[in-house]
Every structure is written in structure tokens, then in C-alpha cells.
Amino acid sequence: MCNQKKLLQNKFLIFFILISTAICQNYDLKVDLKSIPKNNSWFLNTNNFGIENEKFDGRLFFLMNYKDFELKINSIITQNQFLESYFKYSFSKKTNIKLGKYYKDYSGYLNNELSSGHMLISNNAMPMKKIGLNHSYLVKNFKFDFGISHGFFDKNSLYQKAPYLHEKYIFMGISRQHDFIGIGFIHEAMWAGKINNLKAFPLGFQNFLKVLIAADEPIREGQPHANAIGNHIGVWEFVYKKNLLKNNLTFYYQHIFEDTSGIRFANKYDGLWGLKIVNSESKNIFLLEYLETTNQNIDPPYVEESYYNHWDYPYGWSFKGNVIGNPHINSLNVVPVSVVHLGSIVNINQILSGKFLLSRKINKQDDLNFLINLSRKFNDNLSAGILLFSESGNVGIGLKTSWKLK
């Protein structure tokens, strides 16, 4: 029965794409095939869209734009899983609404392919079902981007009723000749739902308004102070870009907070620091990141920030068993880490390119994790490559090919 359902869904997906391509000529269609032995490699099991590595998988990517509509379908056809897939309608160049399974509409400066992972929402877990509204506003050299969305966690062995996700952001940027400076504020909240054998958490529009402004609930017995309804987490983000003659530089800092003490930077410099350099001619990219979380719980109970952990929601900041944010941070236990991460894309010539990822914890004994992806382009539509990766101190190998159908 399961195989019949899987076959039916795959047939419907292929039929839908064929109809869409017949209606609209402005589309991209690509198939990726990968063969890798099951392994314990860090980089093959993190920022992998929440998909467990199989010995073989096939992925289908479809993106269509038609007038004010955008449709994206990203599917693991060998596992019957939909990755980031959504429908977007633009009311104007400034305003759009988005519905489906997707990650985020903020922090466009971050290279998700090379980064260790955004502090709030990375590509580590599967995307949630969400509906969101986004808007941009330009005043002279100042640009404001802001949005709000509502998402859904999943029911599982622990969550009898699935919690909700509240998300909002605002970002202000100013451009002057070769410089750009931006500052943003992002707020995520996990709320409502019901834990097995426990009472349901507050629900309803009035409680949503409290979640919206992170209002406190009454002080519980044994607590030193009142806490906000739900599990709240956010970041201040700071971005500086400099366009030079041959290289474009981007410096960013995502300061993480879990309560008002973190908003006031009482947890010092915790968060993700990054420097990205892009060569405007070769398109080579170099990325250096430093992740710091060792200032959690430095002054309890007033600075007792467990970034991805929460008393009411025991699975913490995770979705379907995977950390939603940066995968170096543990969602089940407080494990402070300091991490150095390197990423690079090197275009050797017109047909050969390589992607390199290295990562290592520096506050404790840790193996050097790496991934090397060497790719050869046969033509504009077909490429193939070899993967080399660390696996428990050894080196593993895999094969990958990508075929762009249109």
C-alpha cells in the first residue's frame, strides 16, 4: 500500500510538471543523482535538508515563474519526500505572500551552501509548513524589509498536539557608493501544542498577541521571575558589505538571544561571526565563520540562556529530529561550543570546479570534519563529480551527477 501511494504521488508530480511546462516557458528543471555509502560524515548528515543519507538518492528541482506567480518544487523522488516547495504570489514588487514548505525570507547575505548554518533557521532540518507575508519599503538610500509568518511543527511521540511557530523580522539597510550597512532583528517563537500526559499550552488569539510581543505569563511556582509564553529565540544581525575593484567583502554577525538579557548583550559576543569574500571575475568564494555559544548560563537565573533547549518543549529547537538552526548547537542538552568553519568554491577553469568545507570545535577535543566536492562540467546541462569526506577519522568517497533538463 505504501509503495502504491509513493508511485501515485510520483506520477502526479511528473504529470503536474509536464502540464506546467506546457503552460509556461519560463522554468528551470533539474535532476540530481547521488551515490554514497551510508556513513557518519558530519557534512553529509548536516545541512542536508533533514534527509537521512541513503546509498542512492535522486532529487528533482523545478522552479517556474509566470507573471506574478512563482512555484518551486524540490523533491527526493527516491524517498517520496518534498523539500523546500512553495507557491508565492507578488501583489507588487514590494509585497508578496508565500505558502508551502520553506525556510526563511530573511538574511539574504548568508551563503547557505557554504555556511555552517544560520543561528535560527538553516538547511539542517526539513522545512516547515508555513504561510508568510513579506514587504519592502525604500526611502532614499534606506531600504526596509519586514515580514511575518505562521508555521507548524509536527505531532510525534512526545507532542500530542503539534506546537505552532511564530516568526517575524525587520531589516534596515543603507547603501552608499561601494558600501552597505545593515541591521536586523529576527524573532522566532514556539508556542501552543500539548505534551503527552500534560496539560495543553496556551492557545487562542489573545495568547498569540502575547507571543507576538513576547509578553510574560504569571510566575510559576519555584521560578525566580516570570517567563514569556512559549519558547522564544532570536538574533540581532549586523552586516557590512564593501565592493572593491576585484573582490566583494561581506562581514556579518548574528547575535543570538533567548531572553531579554541576551537582547541587551548580557551573553557577550555569543553568536555567528562571518567573513565572505567573492571575486567578481572568477566568482571564487571564500568563507570564514566563527561560532561561539560558551556564554550561556553565565549568571543564572538572570542570564540563563539555553539557546536551543527549553523546559516546556523537551525536543527543543528541532523539527523531525533535526536541529532547526546551526547544527553545531545541541537541541537536547546545553553543550557550549566554539567552532571554526571554512567554506570555499573554487572555479579552476571553465569546466572544473571544487567546493571545500572544513569545520572543527576548538573548545574541546574534536576531529577535523571536511567535505571536498570536485565537479566536471561536460556541457551547459550536464555535470558529474566526486565527493571526498571525513568519516570517523577515515576518508569516504561518493559520486554525484546533475542533469539540467531546461
Protein backbone atom coordinates (compact mmCIF):
# COMPACT_ATOMS: atom_id res chain seq x y z
CA MET A 1 0.00 0.00 0.00
CA CYS A 2 2.83 2.38 0.89
CA ASN A 3 4.64 1.62 -2.39
CA GLN A 4 1.42 2.20 -4.36
CA LYS A 5 0.93 5.57 -2.67
CA LYS A 6 4.54 6.51 -3.37
CA LEU A 7 4.18 5.53 -7.03
CA LEU A 8 0.92 7.50 -7.34
CA GLN A 9 2.48 10.65 -5.85
CA ASN A 10 5.50 10.42 -8.15
CA LYS A 11 3.22 10.01 -11.18
CA PHE A 12 1.17 13.04 -10.09
CA LEU A 13 4.34 15.09 -9.60
CA ILE A 14 5.63 14.24 -13.09
CA PHE A 15 2.20 14.92 -14.64
CA PHE A 16 1.92 18.29 -12.84
CA ILE A 17 5.38 19.39 -14.00
CA LEU A 18 4.63 18.40 -17.61
CA ILE A 19 1.41 20.44 -17.57
CA SER A 20 3.20 23.42 -16.00
CA THR A 21 5.98 23.38 -18.61
CA ALA A 22 3.40 23.30 -21.38
CA ILE A 23 1.69 26.41 -19.98
CA CYS A 24 4.80 28.42 -19.13
CA GLN A 25 8.18 28.51 -20.89
CA ASN A 26 9.98 30.39 -18.06
CA TYR A 27 11.07 27.50 -15.86
CA ASP A 28 14.06 25.51 -14.59
CA LEU A 29 14.05 21.72 -14.33
CA LYS A 30 16.97 19.71 -12.93
CA VAL A 31 17.67 16.17 -11.71
CA ASP A 32 20.46 15.32 -9.22
CA LEU A 33 21.67 11.76 -8.64
CA LYS A 34 24.00 10.79 -5.79
CA SER A 35 25.59 7.52 -4.68
CA ILE A 36 27.24 7.49 -1.25
CA PRO A 37 27.73 4.60 1.21
CA LYS A 38 25.90 5.13 4.50
CA ASN A 39 28.33 6.86 6.84
CA ASN A 40 28.83 9.05 9.89
CA SER A 41 30.27 12.01 8.00
CA TRP A 42 29.45 15.35 9.61
CA PHE A 43 28.93 17.32 6.40
CA LEU A 44 26.82 14.68 4.68
CA ASN A 45 24.45 14.42 7.63
CA THR A 46 24.10 18.13 8.48
CA ASN A 47 22.60 20.98 6.46
CA ASN A 48 21.18 18.20 4.29
CA PHE A 49 17.55 19.43 4.36
CA GLY A 50 16.65 16.95 7.09
CA ILE A 51 17.13 13.96 4.80
CA GLU A 52 18.98 10.91 6.08
CA ASN A 53 21.72 9.80 3.73
CA GLU A 54 20.88 6.79 1.62
CA LYS A 55 23.26 4.79 -0.56
CA PHE A 56 21.47 6.27 -3.56
CA ASP A 57 19.08 9.16 -3.92
CA GLY A 58 17.56 11.12 -6.75
CA ARG A 59 16.37 14.70 -6.40
CA LEU A 60 14.15 16.71 -8.72
CA PHE A 61 14.15 20.51 -8.75
CA PHE A 62 11.51 22.56 -10.56
CA LEU A 63 11.10 26.36 -10.50
CA MET A 64 8.51 28.22 -12.57
CA ASN A 65 7.76 31.94 -12.85
CA TYR A 66 4.58 33.08 -14.56
CA LYS A 67 3.61 36.74 -14.32
CA ASP A 68 3.21 37.42 -10.57
CA PHE A 69 3.32 33.74 -9.59
CA GLU A 70 6.28 31.63 -8.53
CA LEU A 71 6.16 27.88 -7.98
CA LYS A 72 9.02 25.84 -6.56
CA ILE A 73 9.09 22.05 -6.16
CA ASN A 74 12.10 20.32 -4.63
CA SER A 75 11.66 16.60 -4.11
CA ILE A 76 13.61 13.50 -3.10
CA ILE A 77 11.90 11.23 -5.60
CA THR A 78 13.62 8.10 -4.25
CA GLN A 79 12.26 8.73 -0.72
CA ASN A 80 8.91 10.33 -1.59
CA GLN A 81 9.86 13.47 0.37
CA PHE A 82 9.19 17.08 -0.56
CA LEU A 83 11.91 19.52 0.43
CA GLU A 84 11.53 23.28 0.05
CA SER A 85 8.38 23.56 -2.08
CA TYR A 86 6.10 26.57 -2.10
CA PHE A 87 3.80 28.89 -4.00
CA LYS A 88 4.44 32.65 -3.99
CA TYR A 89 2.24 35.44 -5.28
CA SER A 90 3.56 39.01 -5.61
CA PHE A 91 0.96 41.73 -5.19
CA SER A 92 3.64 44.18 -6.32
CA LYS A 93 7.45 44.39 -6.49
CA LYS A 94 7.37 45.21 -2.77
CA THR A 95 4.82 42.78 -1.33
CA ASN A 96 4.33 39.03 -1.61
CA ILE A 97 2.61 36.16 0.14
CA LYS A 98 4.20 32.72 0.42
CA LEU A 99 2.57 29.37 1.19
CA GLY A 100 4.10 25.90 1.46
CA LYS A 101 7.20 24.28 2.94
CA TYR A 102 10.07 26.76 3.08
CA TYR A 103 12.88 28.01 5.28
CA LYS A 104 13.14 31.79 5.63
CA ASP A 105 12.80 35.12 3.84
CA TYR A 106 15.49 36.98 5.76
CA SER A 107 19.32 37.08 5.94
CA GLY A 108 19.85 37.09 2.19
CA TYR A 109 23.54 37.91 2.69
CA LEU A 110 24.25 34.40 4.05
CA ASN A 111 25.63 31.77 1.67
CA ASN A 112 23.57 28.73 2.76
CA GLU A 113 25.67 26.38 0.63
CA LEU A 114 28.93 27.21 2.41
CA SER A 115 27.84 28.45 5.84
CA SER A 116 27.93 26.29 8.96
CA GLY A 117 24.27 27.27 9.37
CA HIS A 118 22.09 30.25 10.27
CA MET A 119 21.59 30.73 14.01
CA LEU A 120 17.78 30.45 13.70
CA ILE A 121 16.81 28.56 10.56
CA SER A 122 19.36 26.72 8.46
CA ASN A 123 19.08 23.92 5.91
CA ASN A 124 19.71 21.30 8.60
CA ALA A 125 16.11 20.23 9.24
CA MET A 126 13.28 19.76 6.79
CA PRO A 127 11.39 22.99 6.02
CA MET A 128 8.16 23.57 7.95
CA LYS A 129 4.73 24.24 6.53
CA LYS A 130 4.31 28.00 6.70
CA ILE A 131 2.35 30.93 5.39
CA GLY A 132 4.12 34.28 5.35
CA LEU A 133 3.70 37.89 4.25
CA ASN A 134 6.73 39.98 3.22
CA HIS A 135 7.11 43.65 2.33
CA SER A 136 9.91 46.04 1.32
CA TYR A 137 9.95 49.81 1.60
CA LEU A 138 12.52 52.20 0.13
CA VAL A 139 13.21 55.69 1.49
CA LYS A 140 16.05 57.38 -0.42
CA ASN A 141 19.12 55.23 0.35
CA PHE A 142 17.37 53.35 3.15
CA LYS A 143 15.63 50.04 2.47
CA PHE A 144 13.37 48.34 5.00
CA ASP A 145 12.46 44.65 4.71
CA PHE A 146 9.99 43.11 7.10
CA GLY A 147 7.68 40.14 7.29
CA ILE A 148 5.62 37.85 9.48
CA SER A 149 4.74 34.17 9.13
CA HIS A 150 2.95 31.34 10.91
CA GLY A 151 4.25 27.77 10.81
CA PHE A 152 3.51 24.31 12.14
CA PHE A 153 5.69 21.81 13.97
CA ASP A 154 4.76 18.12 13.74
CA LYS A 155 2.95 15.70 16.00
CA ASN A 156 5.16 12.89 17.23
CA SER A 157 5.65 10.50 20.14
CA LEU A 158 6.09 13.48 22.50
CA TYR A 159 3.89 16.23 21.06
CA GLN A 160 0.30 15.01 21.21
CA LYS A 161 -0.75 18.29 19.59
CA ALA A 162 1.75 19.98 17.31
CA PRO A 163 3.15 23.34 18.52
CA TYR A 164 2.97 26.43 16.32
CA LEU A 165 5.78 28.63 15.02
CA HIS A 166 5.61 32.42 15.10
CA GLU A 167 8.18 34.30 13.03
CA LYS A 168 8.81 37.97 12.26
CA TYR A 169 11.73 40.08 11.12
CA ILE A 170 12.72 43.60 10.22
CA PHE A 171 15.91 44.66 8.46
CA MET A 172 17.15 48.13 7.61
CA GLY A 173 19.96 48.70 5.13
CA ILE A 174 21.66 51.78 3.71
CA SER A 175 23.74 51.84 0.52
CA ARG A 176 26.35 54.46 -0.34
CA GLN A 177 28.55 54.03 -3.40
CA HIS A 178 30.64 50.92 -2.62
CA ASP A 179 29.42 50.35 0.95
CA PHE A 180 26.36 48.78 2.53
CA ILE A 181 25.47 48.71 6.22
CA GLY A 182 22.52 46.75 7.58
CA ILE A 183 20.98 45.89 10.93
CA GLY A 184 18.15 43.48 11.56
CA PHE A 185 16.04 41.93 14.31
CA ILE A 186 14.52 38.45 13.97
CA HIS A 187 12.17 36.81 16.45
CA GLU A 188 11.03 33.16 16.44
CA ALA A 189 8.66 31.59 18.94
CA MET A 190 7.49 28.03 19.51
CA TRP A 191 4.08 28.07 21.24
CA ALA A 192 0.82 26.18 21.87
CA GLY A 193 0.68 22.41 21.39
CA LYS A 194 0.34 19.68 24.00
CA ILE A 195 2.90 17.36 25.57
CA ASN A 196 1.77 13.78 26.24
CA ASN A 197 0.18 13.32 29.69
CA LEU A 198 0.48 17.06 30.41
CA LYS A 199 -1.86 19.99 30.01
CA ALA A 200 -2.06 21.84 26.72
CA PHE A 201 -0.11 25.09 26.41
CA PRO A 202 -1.97 28.40 25.98
CA LEU A 203 -3.73 28.79 22.64
CA GLY A 204 -6.04 31.35 21.05
CA PHE A 205 -5.81 34.84 19.58
CA GLN A 206 -5.18 36.63 22.88
CA ASN A 207 -2.29 34.32 23.67
CA PHE A 208 -0.98 34.80 20.13
CA LEU A 209 -0.85 38.54 20.80
CA LYS A 210 1.22 37.80 23.93
CA VAL A 211 3.56 35.62 21.87
CA LEU A 212 3.77 38.40 19.28
CA ILE A 213 5.26 40.80 21.82
CA ALA A 214 6.89 38.08 23.99
CA ALA A 215 4.69 39.01 26.96
CA ASP A 216 5.23 37.18 30.26
CA GLU A 217 2.91 34.60 31.71
CA PRO A 218 2.25 34.50 35.50
CA ILE A 219 5.22 33.43 37.64
CA ARG A 220 5.18 29.66 38.14
CA GLU A 221 5.89 28.10 41.49
CA GLY A 222 9.63 27.82 42.09
CA GLN A 223 10.59 30.29 39.36
CA PRO A 224 12.63 33.41 40.29
CA HIS A 225 10.83 35.54 37.68
CA ALA A 226 8.10 35.39 35.05
CA ASN A 227 8.86 33.99 31.60
CA ALA A 228 7.30 34.61 28.21
CA ILE A 229 4.66 32.24 26.87
CA GLY A 230 6.33 29.61 24.70
CA ASN A 231 9.94 29.09 23.64
CA HIS A 232 11.41 32.31 22.23
CA ILE A 233 14.67 32.72 20.33
CA GLY A 234 16.03 35.44 18.09
CA VAL A 235 19.02 37.30 16.74
CA TRP A 236 20.31 40.77 16.20
CA GLU A 237 22.10 40.74 12.86
CA PHE A 238 24.72 43.21 11.66
CA VAL A 239 26.00 43.29 8.07
CA TYR A 240 28.68 45.33 6.34
CA LYS A 241 29.50 44.98 2.63
CA LYS A 242 32.38 46.56 0.75
CA ASN A 243 32.77 46.39 -3.03
CA LEU A 244 36.42 46.66 -4.05
CA LEU A 245 37.95 46.62 -7.51
CA LYS A 246 38.13 42.81 -7.79
CA ASN A 247 36.64 41.46 -4.57
CA ASN A 248 33.37 41.95 -2.75
CA LEU A 249 33.58 41.62 1.04
CA THR A 250 30.72 40.83 3.42
CA PHE A 251 31.14 40.87 7.18
CA TYR A 252 28.24 39.69 9.37
CA TYR A 253 27.42 38.94 12.96
CA GLN A 254 24.31 37.13 14.21
CA HIS A 255 23.97 37.80 17.94
CA ILE A 256 21.74 35.13 19.43
CA PHE A 257 19.38 35.75 22.35
CA GLU A 258 16.86 33.65 24.23
CA ASP A 259 15.51 36.25 26.66
CA THR A 260 15.76 39.97 27.39
CA SER A 261 19.25 39.65 28.90
CA GLY A 262 20.53 38.39 25.55
CA ILE A 263 18.75 41.21 23.73
CA ARG A 264 20.83 43.56 25.90
CA PHE A 265 24.01 41.58 25.02
CA ALA A 266 24.45 40.22 28.55
CA ASN A 267 25.60 36.98 26.91
CA LYS A 268 28.54 38.93 25.47
CA TYR A 269 29.62 38.03 21.92
CA ASP A 270 27.80 34.70 21.51
CA GLY A 271 26.55 34.02 18.01
CA LEU A 272 27.86 33.55 14.49
CA TRP A 273 30.64 35.76 13.09
CA GLY A 274 31.40 35.56 9.38
CA LEU A 275 33.56 36.97 6.59
CA LYS A 276 32.75 36.22 2.94
CA ILE A 277 34.98 37.24 0.02
CA VAL A 278 33.73 36.91 -3.56
CA ASN A 279 35.99 37.54 -6.55
CA SER A 280 33.96 39.44 -9.12
CA GLU A 281 35.90 37.96 -12.07
CA SER A 282 36.42 34.27 -11.24
CA LYS A 283 33.35 34.05 -8.94
CA ASN A 284 35.52 32.20 -6.43
CA ILE A 285 34.17 32.39 -2.87
CA PHE A 286 36.00 32.18 0.43
CA LEU A 287 34.07 31.99 3.71
CA LEU A 288 35.36 32.06 7.28
CA GLU A 289 32.99 31.68 10.25
CA TYR A 290 33.38 31.58 14.00
CA LEU A 291 30.57 30.23 16.18
CA GLU A 292 30.52 31.00 19.91
CA THR A 293 27.97 29.74 22.47
CA THR A 294 30.07 29.48 25.65
CA ASN A 295 28.34 32.42 27.39
CA GLN A 296 25.12 30.54 28.05
CA ASN A 297 24.10 30.42 31.73
CA ILE A 298 26.93 32.75 32.84
CA ASP A 299 24.84 34.40 35.57
CA PRO A 300 21.81 32.25 36.49
CA PRO A 301 18.98 32.73 36.97
CA TYR A 302 19.03 36.10 35.17
CA VAL A 303 21.40 35.13 32.36
CA GLU A 304 20.32 31.52 31.97
CA GLU A 305 20.02 31.28 28.23
CA SER A 306 19.78 27.76 26.87
CA TYR A 307 19.68 28.72 23.22
CA TYR A 308 18.11 25.61 21.67
CA ASN A 309 16.79 23.93 24.84
CA HIS A 310 13.52 24.51 26.67
CA TRP A 311 11.77 23.20 29.76
CA ASP A 312 8.25 23.04 28.26
CA TYR A 313 9.32 21.64 24.86
CA PRO A 314 11.80 18.82 25.61
CA TYR A 315 12.83 18.37 21.96
CA GLY A 316 13.97 21.97 21.94
CA TRP A 317 14.66 23.93 18.78
CA SER A 318 14.31 20.95 16.46
CA PHE A 319 11.96 19.62 13.79
CA LYS A 320 11.53 15.96 12.85
CA GLY A 321 14.61 15.03 14.88
CA ASN A 322 16.98 17.65 13.44
CA VAL A 323 18.20 20.97 14.83
CA ILE A 324 16.43 23.83 13.09
CA GLY A 325 19.31 26.31 13.39
CA ASN A 326 23.07 25.84 13.39
CA PRO A 327 23.75 22.05 13.65
CA HIS A 328 26.78 22.57 15.93
CA ILE A 329 24.37 23.55 18.73
CA ASN A 330 22.65 20.73 20.64
CA SER A 331 18.86 20.95 20.94
CA LEU A 332 18.54 18.33 23.71
CA ASN A 333 21.30 19.40 26.12
CA VAL A 334 23.24 22.58 26.84
CA VAL A 335 26.67 21.94 25.32
CA PRO A 336 28.63 25.20 24.88
CA VAL A 337 30.83 25.19 21.79
CA SER A 338 33.37 27.32 19.96
CA VAL A 339 33.69 26.37 16.30
CA VAL A 340 35.87 27.48 13.41
CA HIS A 341 34.37 26.84 9.98
CA LEU A 342 35.80 27.33 6.48
CA GLY A 343 33.99 27.12 3.17
CA SER A 344 35.10 27.81 -0.38
CA ILE A 345 34.05 27.47 -4.00
CA VAL A 346 36.93 27.50 -6.48
CA ASN A 347 36.37 27.64 -10.24
CA ILE A 348 39.58 26.08 -11.56
CA ASN A 349 38.65 26.69 -15.19
CA GLN A 350 35.52 26.71 -17.34
CA ILE A 351 34.81 23.01 -16.79
CA LEU A 352 36.40 22.15 -13.42
CA SER A 353 35.31 23.45 -10.02
CA GLY A 354 35.54 22.46 -6.39
CA LYS A 355 33.68 23.05 -3.14
CA PHE A 356 35.53 22.71 0.15
CA LEU A 357 34.11 22.63 3.69
CA LEU A 358 36.10 22.28 6.94
CA SER A 359 34.85 22.55 10.50
CA ARG A 360 36.27 21.92 13.96
CA LYS A 361 35.34 22.63 17.59
CA ILE A 362 38.18 24.46 19.34
CA ASN A 363 36.94 24.46 22.94
CA LYS A 364 37.25 20.66 23.21
CA GLN A 365 38.97 17.70 21.58
CA ASP A 366 37.40 17.20 18.17
CA ASP A 367 38.15 15.61 14.80
CA LEU A 368 38.57 17.80 11.75
CA ASN A 369 35.44 17.42 9.63
CA PHE A 370 35.78 18.07 5.92
CA LEU A 371 34.00 17.67 2.59
CA ILE A 372 35.59 18.08 -0.84
CA ASN A 373 33.32 18.13 -3.88
CA LEU A 374 35.17 18.12 -7.23
CA SER A 375 32.94 18.63 -10.26
CA ARG A 376 33.43 18.47 -14.03
CA LYS A 377 31.08 20.24 -16.41
CA PHE A 378 30.52 18.36 -19.69
CA ASN A 379 28.19 20.98 -21.18
CA ASP A 380 25.73 23.62 -20.02
CA ASN A 381 23.29 20.96 -18.80
CA LEU A 382 25.34 18.00 -17.56
CA SER A 383 27.96 17.75 -14.81
CA ALA A 384 29.43 14.99 -12.65
CA GLY A 385 31.66 14.91 -9.63
CA ILE A 386 33.37 13.03 -6.85
CA LEU A 387 32.93 13.56 -3.11
CA LEU A 388 35.66 13.06 -0.51
CA PHE A 389 34.66 13.35 3.14
CA SER A 390 35.79 12.59 6.67
CA GLU A 391 34.22 9.59 8.36
CA SER A 392 35.26 8.78 11.94
CA GLY A 393 38.88 9.63 11.19
CA ASN A 394 38.84 7.92 7.78
CA VAL A 395 38.17 9.22 4.28
CA GLY A 396 34.98 8.25 2.45
CA ILE A 397 34.15 8.60 -1.23
CA GLY A 398 30.96 9.17 -3.21
CA LEU A 399 29.73 10.06 -6.71
CA LYS A 400 27.29 12.72 -7.86
CA THR A 401 25.80 13.90 -11.15
CA SER A 402 23.49 16.76 -12.09
CA TRP A 403 21.39 16.99 -15.24
CA LYS A 404 19.64 20.23 -16.10
CA LEU A 405 16.71 19.40 -18.36
CA LYS A 406 15.87 23.02 -19.11
